[in-house]
Protein backbone atom coordinates (compact mmCIF):
# COMPACT_ATOMS: atom_id res chain seq x y z
CA UNK A 1 0.01 -0.04 0.00
CA UNK A 2 1.36 3.43 -1.12
CA UNK A 3 2.49 5.23 2.24
CA UNK A 4 0.03 8.19 1.78
CA UNK A 5 -2.71 5.49 2.29
CA UNK A 6 -1.40 3.62 5.30
CA UNK A 7 -2.78 3.84 8.69
CA UNK A 8 -6.37 4.55 7.51
CA UNK A 9 -7.74 1.04 8.32
CA UNK A 10 -8.00 -0.03 4.74
CA UNK A 11 -6.00 -3.24 5.15
CA UNK A 12 -8.23 -4.21 8.16
CA UNK A 13 -11.41 -3.40 6.32
CA UNK A 14 -10.21 -5.34 3.31
CA UNK A 15 -9.24 -8.28 5.44
CA UNK A 16 -12.57 -8.31 7.35
CA UNK A 17 -14.56 -8.53 4.08
CA UNK A 18 -12.34 -11.54 3.05
CA UNK A 19 -12.97 -13.08 6.49
CA UNK A 20 -16.79 -12.59 5.99
CA UNK A 21 -16.64 -14.17 2.64
CA UNK A 22 -14.67 -17.30 3.82
CA UNK A 23 -17.00 -17.79 6.76
CA UNK A 24 -20.33 -17.14 5.12
CA UNK A 25 -20.11 -17.84 1.58
CA UNK A 26 -17.36 -20.43 1.53
CA UNK A 27 -18.27 -22.07 4.83
CA UNK A 28 -14.47 -22.04 5.88
CA UNK A 29 -13.65 -22.87 9.39
CA UNK A 30 -10.48 -20.78 9.80
CA UNK A 31 -8.45 -18.06 8.28
CA UNK A 32 -4.71 -18.01 8.51
CA UNK A 33 -2.68 -14.98 7.76
CA UNK A 34 1.22 -14.82 7.82
CA UNK A 35 3.95 -11.97 7.90
CA UNK A 36 7.36 -11.29 8.78
CA UNK A 37 8.54 -10.32 12.51
CA UNK A 38 9.39 -6.80 11.29
CA UNK A 39 5.97 -6.09 9.79
CA UNK A 40 4.28 -4.77 12.89
CA UNK A 41 1.45 -3.14 10.85
CA UNK A 42 0.31 -6.44 9.54
CA UNK A 43 0.51 -8.01 12.97
CA UNK A 44 -1.66 -5.05 14.35
CA UNK A 45 -4.26 -5.88 11.63
CA UNK A 46 -4.23 -9.53 12.73
CA UNK A 47 -4.71 -8.46 16.27
CA UNK A 48 -7.52 -6.05 15.32
CA UNK A 49 -9.37 -8.79 13.53
CA UNK A 50 -9.14 -11.01 16.69
CA UNK A 51 -6.72 -13.52 15.33
CA UNK A 52 -4.76 -15.66 17.66
CA UNK A 53 -1.12 -14.63 16.96
CA UNK A 54 1.88 -17.24 16.91
CA UNK A 55 5.51 -16.20 16.58
CA UNK A 56 7.79 -18.78 14.84
CA UNK A 57 11.16 -18.79 16.63
CA UNK A 58 12.82 -19.78 13.17
CA UNK A 59 13.68 -16.96 10.90
CA UNK A 60 12.96 -19.24 7.89
CA UNK A 61 10.96 -18.80 5.78
CA UNK A 62 10.48 -15.17 6.55
CA UNK A 63 6.90 -15.00 5.41
CA UNK A 64 6.04 -17.58 8.07
CA UNK A 65 7.57 -15.76 11.08
CA UNK A 66 4.41 -14.67 12.49
CA UNK A 67 0.99 -16.62 11.89
CA UNK A 68 -2.48 -15.21 12.71
CA UNK A 69 -5.25 -17.69 13.08
CA UNK A 70 -8.97 -17.01 13.29
CA UNK A 71 -11.54 -19.67 13.82
CA UNK A 72 -15.12 -19.60 12.66
CA UNK A 73 -17.34 -17.49 15.01
CA UNK A 74 -19.71 -20.43 15.72
CA UNK A 75 -16.70 -22.82 16.62
CA UNK A 76 -15.01 -20.30 18.96
CA UNK A 77 -15.58 -20.62 22.81
CA UNK A 78 -18.04 -17.98 24.26
């Protein structure tokens, strides 16, 4: 995303639409996102979306250093 458009919530909004489609139209059971340790903005988006965030202690592969997992709302504990 161009720097002029960062920090406006567009990534979280787009990700939420994708999550909604996965759970409602595709009947998916979970959504998984990955990013690098240094990409704190993506990690904040994962957190904002309610994802459970796990950090891989290995540096390889770099795109799998941080994983966000979100289960289907009906399968999450209350």
